[in-house]
Protein backbone atom coordinates (compact mmCIF):
# COMPACT_ATOMS: atom_id res chain seq x y z
CA UNK A 1 28.86 -4.30 -7.73
CA UNK A 2 26.20 -7.73 -8.59
CA UNK A 3 25.54 -7.36 -4.48
CA UNK A 4 24.48 -3.24 -5.19
CA UNK A 5 22.57 -3.67 -7.57
CA UNK A 6 20.29 -6.47 -5.73
CA UNK A 7 20.24 -4.10 -2.66
CA UNK A 8 18.72 -1.39 -4.80
CA UNK A 9 16.03 -4.01 -6.11
CA UNK A 10 15.39 -4.77 -2.81
CA UNK A 11 14.97 -0.77 -1.23
CA UNK A 12 12.69 -0.60 -4.51
CA UNK A 13 10.49 -3.18 -4.14
CA UNK A 14 10.26 -2.63 -0.32
CA UNK A 15 9.90 0.92 -0.96
CA UNK A 16 7.01 -0.56 -3.84
CA UNK A 17 5.49 -2.64 -1.23
CA UNK A 18 4.94 -0.45 1.72
CA UNK A 19 3.65 2.60 -0.46
CA UNK A 20 1.00 -0.23 -1.74
CA UNK A 21 0.22 -1.21 1.67
CA UNK A 22 -0.63 2.19 2.57
CA UNK A 23 -2.76 2.68 -0.52
CA UNK A 24 -4.45 -0.27 0.47
CA UNK A 25 -5.18 0.61 3.65
CA UNK A 26 -6.70 3.54 2.53
CA UNK A 27 -9.19 2.21 0.17
CA UNK A 28 -10.22 -0.35 3.07
CA UNK A 29 -10.64 2.77 5.25
CA UNK A 30 -12.69 4.88 2.76
CA UNK A 31 -14.69 1.61 1.31
CA UNK A 32 -15.41 1.19 5.13
CA UNK A 33 -16.64 4.58 5.37
CA UNK A 34 -18.81 4.51 1.96
CA UNK A 35 -20.38 0.78 3.64
CA UNK A 36 -21.18 3.00 7.22
CA UNK A 37 -23.04 5.99 4.94
CA UNK A 38 -24.77 3.56 3.03
CA UNK A 39 -25.80 1.55 6.14
CA UNK A 40 -26.69 4.61 7.49
CA UNK A 41 -29.06 6.16 4.53
């Protein structure tokens, strides 16, 4: 029982971390695009 709970928590944290990394990657990409547009202006 205890091991199953720990595994569920680990899986949840892995998914959350992956989603956070994806969101951060998207923000960085959008930010780079914004800086490029400002530099071109």
